[in-house]
N, C-alpha and C. Protein backbone atom coordinates (compact mmCIF):
# COMPACT_ATOMS: atom_id res chain seq x y z
N GLY A 1 236.49 89.84 365.49
CA GLY A 1 237.33 88.22 366.00
C GLY A 1 238.50 88.14 365.23
N ASP A 2 239.03 87.10 365.80
CA ASP A 2 240.08 85.83 364.67
C ASP A 2 239.29 85.49 364.03
N LEU A 3 239.73 85.00 363.21
CA LEU A 3 239.16 84.02 361.95
C LEU A 3 240.28 82.84 362.36
N ASP A 4 239.92 81.65 361.97
CA ASP A 4 240.94 80.47 362.24
C ASP A 4 240.70 79.84 361.39
N MET A 5 241.62 79.24 360.45
CA MET A 5 241.06 78.49 358.81
C MET A 5 241.68 77.27 360.02
N PRO A 6 240.96 76.37 358.86
CA PRO A 6 241.27 74.93 358.69
C PRO A 6 242.47 74.68 358.25
N ALA A 7 243.28 73.97 358.45
CA ALA A 7 244.76 72.67 357.47
C ALA A 7 243.94 72.60 356.53
N PRO A 8 245.54 72.76 355.23
CA PRO A 8 244.48 72.39 353.86
C PRO A 8 244.82 70.65 353.68
N PHE A 9 244.28 70.65 352.97
CA PHE A 9 243.72 69.00 352.89
C PHE A 9 243.28 67.90 354.10
N GLY A 10 242.41 68.62 354.78
CA GLY A 10 241.75 68.09 355.83
C GLY A 10 242.48 67.51 356.99
N ARG A 11 244.09 67.92 357.19
CA ARG A 11 244.61 66.89 358.48
C ARG A 11 245.10 68.41 358.78
N ALA A 12 246.01 67.91 359.98
CA ALA A 12 246.35 68.67 361.03
C ALA A 12 247.79 69.08 360.32
N ARG A 13 248.10 70.74 360.74
CA ARG A 13 249.33 70.78 360.60
C ARG A 13 250.86 70.38 361.14
N THR A 14 251.88 70.11 360.87
CA THR A 14 253.03 69.32 360.90
C THR A 14 253.06 70.84 362.09
N PRO A 15 254.14 70.37 362.69
CA PRO A 15 254.96 71.59 363.66
C PRO A 15 256.01 72.44 362.90
N GLU A 16 256.26 72.30 361.32
CA GLU A 16 257.07 73.10 360.72
C GLU A 16 256.03 73.46 359.75
N GLU A 17 255.01 72.85 359.27
CA GLU A 17 254.23 74.28 358.54
C GLU A 17 253.54 75.00 359.90
N ALA A 18 253.27 75.20 361.26
CA ALA A 18 252.47 75.97 362.03
C ALA A 18 253.74 77.23 361.93
N TYR A 19 255.30 76.17 362.70
CA TYR A 19 256.20 77.51 362.32
C TYR A 19 256.05 78.55 361.06
N VAL A 20 257.10 77.97 360.05
CA VAL A 20 256.05 78.94 358.74
C VAL A 20 254.68 79.66 358.87
N GLU A 21 253.96 79.33 359.22
CA GLU A 21 252.80 80.49 359.28
C GLU A 21 252.83 81.42 360.41
N SER A 22 253.70 81.00 361.15
CA SER A 22 254.18 81.66 362.63
C SER A 22 255.62 82.87 361.77
N LEU A 23 256.10 82.92 361.10
CA LEU A 23 256.75 83.32 360.28
C LEU A 23 256.15 84.19 359.41
N ASP A 24 255.09 83.70 358.77
CA ASP A 24 254.20 84.67 357.70
C ASP A 24 253.85 85.66 358.47
N GLU A 25 253.41 85.55 359.78
CA GLU A 25 252.62 85.82 360.12
C GLU A 25 253.21 87.46 361.20
N LYS A 26 254.16 87.45 361.00
CA LYS A 26 255.23 88.75 361.46
C LYS A 26 256.52 89.18 360.00
N THR A 27 255.62 88.92 359.33
CA THR A 27 256.24 89.79 358.10
C THR A 27 255.01 90.18 357.07
N GLY A 28 255.82 91.46 356.21
CA GLY A 28 254.52 91.94 355.31
C GLY A 28 255.41 91.06 353.73
N ALA A 29 255.90 89.40 353.55
CA ALA A 29 256.69 89.14 352.70
C ALA A 29 255.48 87.72 352.34
N SER A 30 255.95 87.15 352.26
CA SER A 30 255.21 85.84 352.27
C SER A 30 255.86 84.53 352.56
N LEU A 31 255.61 83.96 353.30
CA LEU A 31 256.01 81.94 353.34
C LEU A 31 255.43 80.75 353.75
N LYS A 32 255.09 80.19 352.85
CA LYS A 32 254.43 78.98 353.01
C LYS A 32 254.98 77.85 352.46
N LEU A 33 253.99 76.74 353.49
CA LEU A 33 254.79 75.76 353.54
C LEU A 33 253.57 74.62 353.67
N THR A 34 253.52 73.62 352.60
CA THR A 34 252.73 72.69 353.07
C THR A 34 253.48 71.16 352.76
N VAL A 35 253.61 70.20 354.06
CA VAL A 35 254.32 68.78 353.53
C VAL A 35 253.50 68.20 352.65
N LEU A 36 254.07 67.39 351.53
CA LEU A 36 252.27 67.19 351.01
C LEU A 36 253.29 65.04 351.28
N ASN A 37 254.52 64.80 351.39
CA ASN A 37 255.52 63.56 351.34
C ASN A 37 257.05 63.44 352.18
N PRO A 38 256.89 63.31 353.48
CA PRO A 38 257.84 63.98 354.32
C PRO A 38 258.99 62.61 353.87
N HIS A 39 258.48 61.66 353.77
CA HIS A 39 259.72 60.64 353.05
C HIS A 39 259.85 60.78 351.08
N GLY A 40 259.27 62.10 350.57
CA GLY A 40 260.18 62.18 349.64
C GLY A 40 261.30 62.27 348.98
N ARG A 41 261.34 62.53 347.45
CA ARG A 41 263.44 62.87 347.38
C ARG A 41 262.96 64.09 346.81
N VAL A 42 262.16 64.66 346.19
CA VAL A 42 262.14 65.53 345.91
C VAL A 42 261.33 66.78 346.30
N TRP A 43 262.34 68.09 346.96
CA TRP A 43 261.79 68.93 347.42
C TRP A 43 261.89 70.60 346.70
N THR A 44 261.05 71.58 347.08
CA THR A 44 261.33 72.61 346.47
C THR A 44 261.43 73.60 347.98
N MET A 45 262.24 75.12 346.95
CA MET A 45 261.90 76.29 347.87
C MET A 45 262.34 77.35 346.60
N VAL A 46 260.59 77.16 346.36
CA VAL A 46 260.45 78.26 345.47
C VAL A 46 259.71 80.05 345.78
N ALA A 47 260.73 81.03 345.05
CA ALA A 47 260.09 82.12 345.45
C ALA A 47 258.99 82.41 344.32
N GLY A 48 257.56 83.10 344.98
CA GLY A 48 256.11 83.29 344.00
C GLY A 48 255.50 82.14 343.81
N GLY A 49 254.34 83.01 344.56
CA GLY A 49 253.30 82.05 343.88
C GLY A 49 252.76 81.19 342.74
N GLY A 50 252.81 82.18 341.68
CA GLY A 50 253.22 81.32 340.80
C GLY A 50 253.85 80.84 340.07
N ALA A 51 255.14 81.14 340.41
CA ALA A 51 256.25 79.41 339.94
C ALA A 51 256.32 78.50 341.05
N SER A 52 255.85 79.27 341.95
CA SER A 52 255.57 77.81 342.44
C SER A 52 254.89 76.45 342.60
N VAL A 53 253.63 77.03 341.85
CA VAL A 53 252.29 75.98 340.45
C VAL A 53 253.42 75.83 339.86
N ILE A 54 253.86 76.09 339.19
CA ILE A 54 254.51 75.96 337.81
C ILE A 54 255.57 75.36 338.11
N TYR A 55 256.12 75.49 339.17
CA TYR A 55 257.43 74.16 339.15
C TYR A 55 257.08 73.15 339.55
N ALA A 56 256.03 72.78 340.59
CA ALA A 56 254.99 71.49 341.21
C ALA A 56 254.52 71.00 339.83
N ASP A 57 254.30 71.58 338.99
CA ASP A 57 253.01 71.03 337.96
C ASP A 57 254.03 70.56 337.20
N THR A 58 255.59 71.04 337.11
CA THR A 58 256.75 70.73 335.82
C THR A 58 257.39 69.22 336.53
N ILE A 59 257.11 69.34 338.14
CA ILE A 59 257.82 67.83 338.93
C ILE A 59 257.18 66.85 338.28
N CYS A 60 255.56 66.82 338.42
CA CYS A 60 254.59 66.22 338.48
C CYS A 60 255.25 65.76 337.18
N ASP A 61 254.65 66.19 335.80
CA ASP A 61 254.30 66.26 334.23
C ASP A 61 255.98 65.15 334.20
N MET A 62 257.10 65.67 335.17
CA MET A 62 258.33 64.49 334.52
C MET A 62 257.92 63.43 335.07
N GLY A 63 257.21 63.35 335.96
CA GLY A 63 257.24 62.02 336.61
C GLY A 63 257.25 61.50 337.80
N PHE A 64 257.79 62.66 338.69
CA PHE A 64 258.34 62.36 339.98
C PHE A 64 256.96 63.07 340.64
N ALA A 65 255.84 62.85 341.23
CA ALA A 65 254.86 63.44 341.05
C ALA A 65 254.31 62.50 342.97
N THR A 66 254.84 61.40 342.91
CA THR A 66 255.35 60.47 344.73
C THR A 66 255.72 60.77 345.15
N GLU A 67 257.34 61.27 344.49
CA GLU A 67 258.76 62.11 345.33
C GLU A 67 258.07 63.30 345.22
N LEU A 68 257.07 63.92 345.62
CA LEU A 68 257.71 65.63 345.97
C LEU A 68 257.04 65.70 347.07
N SER A 69 257.20 66.62 347.63
CA SER A 69 257.70 66.20 349.24
C SER A 69 257.15 67.03 349.53
N ASN A 70 256.73 68.45 349.29
CA ASN A 70 256.37 69.74 349.97
C ASN A 70 255.92 70.68 348.20
N TYR A 71 254.73 72.04 348.76
CA TYR A 71 254.54 72.22 348.00
C TYR A 71 254.61 74.09 349.20
N GLY A 72 254.96 74.99 348.76
CA GLY A 72 254.89 76.45 348.78
C GLY A 72 255.48 77.30 348.57
N GLU A 73 256.09 79.11 348.90
CA GLU A 73 256.55 79.57 348.34
C GLU A 73 257.64 80.48 349.38
N TYR A 74 258.42 81.44 348.95
CA TYR A 74 258.60 82.36 349.78
C TYR A 74 258.70 83.59 348.42
N SER A 75 257.65 84.94 348.93
CA SER A 75 258.08 85.98 348.35
C SER A 75 258.05 86.93 348.67
N GLY A 76 258.03 88.35 348.33
CA GLY A 76 257.17 89.61 348.47
C GLY A 76 258.59 90.04 349.36
N ALA A 77 259.67 89.94 349.07
CA ALA A 77 260.65 90.53 349.33
C ALA A 77 261.34 90.01 351.12
N PRO A 78 261.37 88.59 351.29
CA PRO A 78 261.83 88.06 352.49
C PRO A 78 262.60 88.31 352.84
N THR A 79 263.41 88.97 354.37
CA THR A 79 264.13 89.30 354.98
C THR A 79 265.70 88.52 354.38
N LYS A 80 266.69 88.52 354.87
CA LYS A 80 267.88 86.88 355.16
C LYS A 80 267.16 86.65 356.25
N ALA A 81 266.65 87.18 357.32
CA ALA A 81 266.76 86.32 358.29
C ALA A 81 265.03 85.21 358.10
N HIS A 82 264.40 85.83 357.85
CA HIS A 82 263.44 85.13 357.18
C HIS A 82 263.55 84.02 356.26
N THR A 83 264.47 84.18 355.30
CA THR A 83 265.11 83.15 354.63
C THR A 83 265.10 81.82 355.18
N PHE A 84 266.74 82.39 355.45
CA PHE A 84 267.19 81.83 356.64
C PHE A 84 266.48 80.98 357.59
N GLU A 85 265.76 81.33 358.66
CA GLU A 85 264.53 80.28 359.16
C GLU A 85 263.58 79.30 358.47
N TYR A 86 263.47 79.57 356.79
CA TYR A 86 262.28 79.44 356.12
C TYR A 86 263.26 78.09 355.11
N ALA A 87 264.55 78.01 354.86
CA ALA A 87 265.72 77.48 354.49
C ALA A 87 265.94 76.29 354.76
N LYS A 88 266.25 76.82 356.70
CA LYS A 88 266.22 75.82 357.71
C LYS A 88 265.00 74.89 357.54
N THR A 89 263.79 75.38 358.17
CA THR A 89 262.96 74.36 357.96
C THR A 89 262.69 73.71 357.14
N ILE A 90 262.75 73.78 355.97
CA ILE A 90 263.10 72.70 354.90
C ILE A 90 264.08 71.99 354.60
N ILE A 91 265.47 72.53 354.41
CA ILE A 91 266.39 71.21 354.91
C ILE A 91 266.37 70.30 356.44
N GLY A 92 265.67 70.87 356.92
CA GLY A 92 265.53 70.08 358.12
C GLY A 92 265.10 69.05 358.28
N LEU A 93 263.61 69.30 357.58
CA LEU A 93 262.61 68.61 356.88
C LEU A 93 263.23 67.41 356.30
N MET A 94 264.49 67.23 354.97
CA MET A 94 264.80 66.43 354.21
C MET A 94 265.86 65.50 355.20
N CYS A 95 266.56 66.35 356.10
CA CYS A 95 267.75 65.63 356.68
C CYS A 95 267.09 64.94 357.90
N ARG A 96 265.59 64.74 358.74
CA ARG A 96 264.92 64.28 359.56
C ARG A 96 265.21 63.09 359.63
N GLU A 97 265.07 62.30 358.56
CA GLU A 97 265.75 60.61 358.83
C GLU A 97 266.80 60.64 359.29
N PRO A 98 267.47 59.44 360.31
CA PRO A 98 268.65 59.17 360.38
C PRO A 98 269.39 58.67 359.50
N VAL A 99 270.48 59.05 359.45
CA VAL A 99 271.24 57.97 358.46
C VAL A 99 271.96 56.64 359.29
N ASP A 100 271.99 57.08 360.19
CA ASP A 100 273.13 56.17 360.61
C ASP A 100 272.02 54.70 361.41
N THR A 101 271.30 55.01 360.59
CA THR A 101 270.39 53.74 360.95
C THR A 101 270.87 52.30 360.46
N PRO A 102 271.28 51.05 361.18
CA PRO A 102 272.24 50.02 360.44
C PRO A 102 271.34 49.34 359.25
N GLY A 103 271.79 49.76 357.93
CA GLY A 103 271.08 49.02 356.51
C GLY A 103 270.73 50.18 356.11
N TYR A 104 270.38 51.22 356.66
CA TYR A 104 270.13 52.53 355.67
C TYR A 104 271.14 52.62 355.06
N GLU A 105 270.48 52.73 353.15
CA GLU A 105 270.94 53.89 352.44
C GLU A 105 270.27 54.92 352.12
N PRO A 106 270.94 56.16 352.38
CA PRO A 106 269.71 57.29 351.50
C PRO A 106 270.20 57.07 349.99
N LYS A 107 268.65 57.29 349.05
CA LYS A 107 268.91 57.41 348.09
C LYS A 107 268.71 58.20 347.48
N GLY A 108 269.11 59.27 348.09
CA GLY A 108 269.72 60.48 347.25
C GLY A 108 268.76 61.21 347.29
N LYS A 109 268.24 62.77 347.35
CA LYS A 109 267.33 63.81 347.52
C LYS A 109 267.51 65.06 346.39
N VAL A 110 266.75 65.95 345.91
CA VAL A 110 266.81 67.17 345.52
C VAL A 110 266.36 68.35 345.69
N LEU A 111 267.05 68.81 346.14
CA LEU A 111 266.22 70.57 346.44
C LEU A 111 266.46 71.16 345.57
N ILE A 112 265.20 71.63 344.58
CA ILE A 112 265.44 72.48 343.77
C ILE A 112 265.35 73.85 344.44
N ILE A 113 265.67 75.18 344.50
CA ILE A 113 265.71 76.58 344.59
C ILE A 113 265.52 77.07 343.40
N GLY A 114 264.62 77.74 343.25
CA GLY A 114 264.10 78.36 342.77
C GLY A 114 263.18 79.63 342.32
N GLY A 115 262.80 80.36 341.33
CA GLY A 115 261.72 81.32 340.82
C GLY A 115 261.71 81.64 338.98
N GLY A 116 260.29 82.47 339.32
CA GLY A 116 260.19 83.11 337.97
C GLY A 116 261.95 84.24 338.19
N ILE A 117 261.17 84.98 337.03
CA ILE A 117 262.18 86.13 337.34
C ILE A 117 261.39 87.27 338.41
N ALA A 118 262.47 87.96 339.20
CA ALA A 118 261.62 88.41 340.69
C ALA A 118 261.86 90.18 340.02
N ASN A 119 260.84 90.61 340.80
CA ASN A 119 260.34 91.97 340.20
C ASN A 119 261.43 92.97 341.19
N PHE A 120 261.31 92.85 342.59
CA PHE A 120 261.53 93.65 343.49
C PHE A 120 262.74 92.96 344.45
N THR A 121 261.99 91.70 344.46
CA THR A 121 263.29 90.66 345.72
C THR A 121 264.13 90.91 345.07
N ASN A 122 265.23 91.42 346.47
CA ASN A 122 266.84 90.54 346.12
C ASN A 122 267.32 89.55 346.12
N VAL A 123 267.42 89.16 344.92
CA VAL A 123 268.05 87.81 344.76
C VAL A 123 269.17 87.54 345.69
N ALA A 124 270.02 88.36 345.76
CA ALA A 124 271.31 88.33 346.25
C ALA A 124 271.79 88.05 347.54
N SER A 125 270.26 89.04 348.64
CA SER A 125 269.67 88.39 349.72
C SER A 125 269.00 87.47 350.81
N THR A 126 268.49 87.24 349.63
CA THR A 126 267.36 85.77 349.89
C THR A 126 268.51 85.17 349.91
N PHE A 127 269.16 84.36 348.16
CA PHE A 127 270.33 83.52 348.49
C PHE A 127 271.01 83.77 349.94
N GLY A 128 271.65 84.67 350.36
CA GLY A 128 272.27 84.94 351.05
C GLY A 128 271.90 83.95 352.95
N GLY A 129 270.23 84.47 352.69
CA GLY A 129 269.73 83.37 353.72
C GLY A 129 269.38 81.83 353.34
N ILE A 130 269.48 81.71 352.35
CA ILE A 130 269.41 79.92 351.64
C ILE A 130 271.01 79.32 352.32
N ILE A 131 271.78 80.93 351.54
CA ILE A 131 273.32 79.77 352.45
C ILE A 131 273.87 79.63 353.50
N GLN A 132 273.46 80.54 354.75
CA GLN A 132 272.94 80.44 355.90
C GLN A 132 272.58 79.35 356.28
N ALA A 133 271.31 78.46 355.69
CA ALA A 133 270.93 77.31 356.74
C ALA A 133 271.78 76.02 355.58
N LEU A 134 272.13 76.18 354.44
CA LEU A 134 273.09 75.48 353.55
C LEU A 134 274.57 74.84 354.74
N LYS A 135 274.94 76.15 355.07
CA LYS A 135 275.77 76.31 355.89
C LYS A 135 275.56 75.66 357.51
N HIS A 136 274.73 75.84 357.86
CA HIS A 136 273.98 74.97 359.19
C HIS A 136 273.69 73.15 358.49
N TYR A 137 273.10 72.94 357.73
CA TYR A 137 273.34 71.70 357.46
C TYR A 137 273.70 70.39 356.84
N ARG A 138 275.36 71.60 356.61
CA ARG A 138 276.17 71.09 355.48
C ARG A 138 276.20 69.59 355.75
N ASP A 139 276.57 68.93 357.35
CA ASP A 139 277.13 67.31 357.12
C ASP A 139 275.81 66.51 356.35
N ALA A 140 274.33 66.93 357.23
CA ALA A 140 273.30 66.37 356.97
C ALA A 140 273.59 66.29 355.65
N ILE A 141 273.53 67.30 354.70
CA ILE A 141 273.50 67.37 353.46
C ILE A 141 274.05 66.44 352.63
N ILE A 142 275.08 66.45 353.17
CA ILE A 142 276.17 65.93 352.42
C ILE A 142 275.38 64.15 352.40
N ALA A 143 275.43 63.73 354.16
CA ALA A 143 274.96 62.47 354.25
C ALA A 143 274.05 61.51 353.61
N HIS A 144 272.89 63.36 354.05
CA HIS A 144 271.63 62.20 353.05
C HIS A 144 271.75 62.89 350.85
N LYS A 145 273.11 62.03 350.92
CA LYS A 145 273.32 63.23 349.26
C LYS A 145 271.90 63.66 348.90
N ILE A 146 272.16 64.83 349.05
CA ILE A 146 271.19 65.44 348.61
C ILE A 146 272.14 66.65 347.52
N GLN A 147 271.69 66.93 346.22
CA GLN A 147 272.06 67.53 345.23
C GLN A 147 270.41 68.63 344.90
N VAL A 148 271.63 70.02 344.77
CA VAL A 148 271.08 70.99 344.57
C VAL A 148 270.77 71.63 343.66
N TYR A 149 269.60 72.37 343.28
CA TYR A 149 269.47 72.99 341.76
C TYR A 149 268.76 74.55 341.44
N VAL A 150 269.67 75.46 341.55
CA VAL A 150 269.17 76.46 341.19
C VAL A 150 268.68 76.81 340.10
N ARG A 151 268.07 77.84 339.91
CA ARG A 151 267.16 78.30 339.19
C ARG A 151 266.66 79.76 339.39
N ARG A 152 266.97 81.35 338.97
CA ARG A 152 266.53 82.25 339.29
C ARG A 152 267.35 83.77 338.74
N GLY A 153 266.17 84.44 338.28
CA GLY A 153 266.28 85.30 338.32
C GLY A 153 265.70 86.86 338.91
N GLY A 154 266.43 88.40 338.40
CA GLY A 154 265.80 89.46 339.20
C GLY A 154 266.89 89.94 339.82
N PRO A 155 266.54 91.23 340.61
CA PRO A 155 267.56 92.23 340.83
C PRO A 155 268.78 91.00 341.66
N ASN A 156 269.74 91.99 341.06
CA ASN A 156 271.29 91.30 341.62
C ASN A 156 271.03 89.32 341.76
N TYR A 157 270.61 89.04 340.23
CA TYR A 157 270.73 87.32 340.68
C TYR A 157 271.75 87.17 340.53
N GLN A 158 272.65 87.85 339.33
CA GLN A 158 274.11 87.51 339.38
C GLN A 158 274.76 86.93 340.16
N GLU A 159 274.85 87.84 341.07
CA GLU A 159 275.32 87.88 342.53
C GLU A 159 274.92 86.81 343.34
N GLY A 160 273.88 86.62 343.34
CA GLY A 160 273.02 85.25 344.22
C GLY A 160 273.74 84.15 343.93
N LEU A 161 273.70 84.46 342.75
CA LEU A 161 274.52 82.80 341.65
C LEU A 161 275.48 82.41 341.78
N ASP A 162 276.02 83.85 341.87
CA ASP A 162 277.77 83.22 342.10
C ASP A 162 278.17 83.38 343.65
N ALA A 163 276.98 83.47 344.60
CA ALA A 163 276.99 82.56 345.33
C ALA A 163 276.57 81.88 346.25
N MET A 164 276.02 81.28 344.65
CA MET A 164 275.45 79.99 345.41
C MET A 164 276.65 79.03 344.56
N ARG A 165 276.71 79.62 344.00
CA ARG A 165 278.33 78.58 343.27
C ARG A 165 279.34 78.41 344.34
N GLU A 166 279.79 79.42 344.70
CA GLU A 166 280.69 79.20 345.39
C GLU A 166 280.62 78.60 346.74
N ALA A 167 279.36 78.84 347.76
CA ALA A 167 278.52 78.24 348.32
C ALA A 167 278.90 77.05 348.21
N GLY A 168 278.01 76.22 347.09
CA GLY A 168 278.13 74.92 346.23
C GLY A 168 279.86 74.23 346.39
N ALA A 169 280.87 74.96 346.11
CA ALA A 169 282.03 74.65 346.50
C ALA A 169 282.72 74.61 347.64
N LYS A 170 282.25 75.50 348.43
CA LYS A 170 283.45 75.97 349.70
C LYS A 170 282.97 74.36 350.75
N LEU A 171 281.49 74.42 350.61
CA LEU A 171 280.86 73.43 351.61
C LEU A 171 280.78 71.87 351.37
N GLY A 172 281.13 71.37 349.55
CA GLY A 172 280.95 70.10 348.98
C GLY A 172 279.84 69.76 348.73
N ILE A 173 279.17 71.00 348.27
CA ILE A 173 277.06 70.30 348.05
C ILE A 173 277.08 70.04 346.72
N PRO A 174 276.80 68.95 345.96
CA PRO A 174 276.65 69.41 344.86
C PRO A 174 275.01 70.46 344.20
N MET A 175 276.13 71.21 343.56
CA MET A 175 275.04 72.53 343.45
C MET A 175 275.08 72.16 342.04
N HIS A 176 274.06 72.59 341.27
CA HIS A 176 274.14 73.00 339.73
C HIS A 176 272.94 74.19 339.46
N VAL A 177 273.48 75.35 339.04
CA VAL A 177 273.37 76.49 339.27
C VAL A 177 273.33 77.72 337.70
N TYR A 178 271.90 77.82 337.82
CA TYR A 178 271.43 78.11 336.17
C TYR A 178 270.73 79.71 336.27
N GLY A 179 270.56 80.35 335.20
CA GLY A 179 270.07 81.70 335.56
C GLY A 179 268.72 81.64 334.86
N PRO A 180 268.16 82.45 334.37
CA PRO A 180 266.68 83.02 334.03
C PRO A 180 266.89 81.96 332.02
N GLU A 181 267.35 82.00 331.77
CA GLU A 181 267.25 81.76 330.22
C GLU A 181 267.73 80.42 330.03
N THR A 182 267.53 79.33 331.18
CA THR A 182 267.71 77.66 331.32
C THR A 182 265.92 77.41 331.97
N HIS A 183 265.66 77.04 330.56
CA HIS A 183 263.84 76.50 331.53
C HIS A 183 264.27 75.13 332.34
N LEU A 184 263.56 75.04 333.06
CA LEU A 184 263.44 74.48 334.23
C LEU A 184 263.26 73.04 333.79
N THR A 185 262.79 72.61 333.08
CA THR A 185 262.57 71.20 331.91
C THR A 185 263.84 70.99 331.24
N ALA A 186 265.04 71.73 331.45
CA ALA A 186 266.32 71.65 331.35
C ALA A 186 267.10 71.33 332.59
N ILE A 187 266.90 71.69 333.82
CA ILE A 187 267.38 71.79 335.05
C ILE A 187 267.06 70.37 335.17
């Protein structure tokens, strides 16, 4: 029969975590999400399980442990459509707090999109899904003062990085784009 696994960290899954889990069940790729601090300012969208650990550790080592909002990864060559849904979920969480509340001043948030050097995932394709999500949430991203940092390598990575740069410029979203030659602590 089916085996139900408890939610991590002894707590109930958020609706967004459950949604990503349902996406994960429909693909041979891997899509994972754990919300650690929904009010944090540092969000990640990391390709690869190993890379996600390195990114989270680096963020904490750089003094942002209390601001780390999520832990998760996408890997195994997810489709553009699955990547769009995954990215949309994370960006939606980032933009959840209403900015039109009197006296509310967003402090600014950071979305780190990264990974190691992919073996077979088409970076340009997955970035296409992420760009769709950025377009979907453009106004909210700007209102929440979100800056996007990108670091990636792998098949078609240069095309993907160029597309991310172009999307940032077209959408008016602050975007900082790096290839695999730049180490994470320099970003």
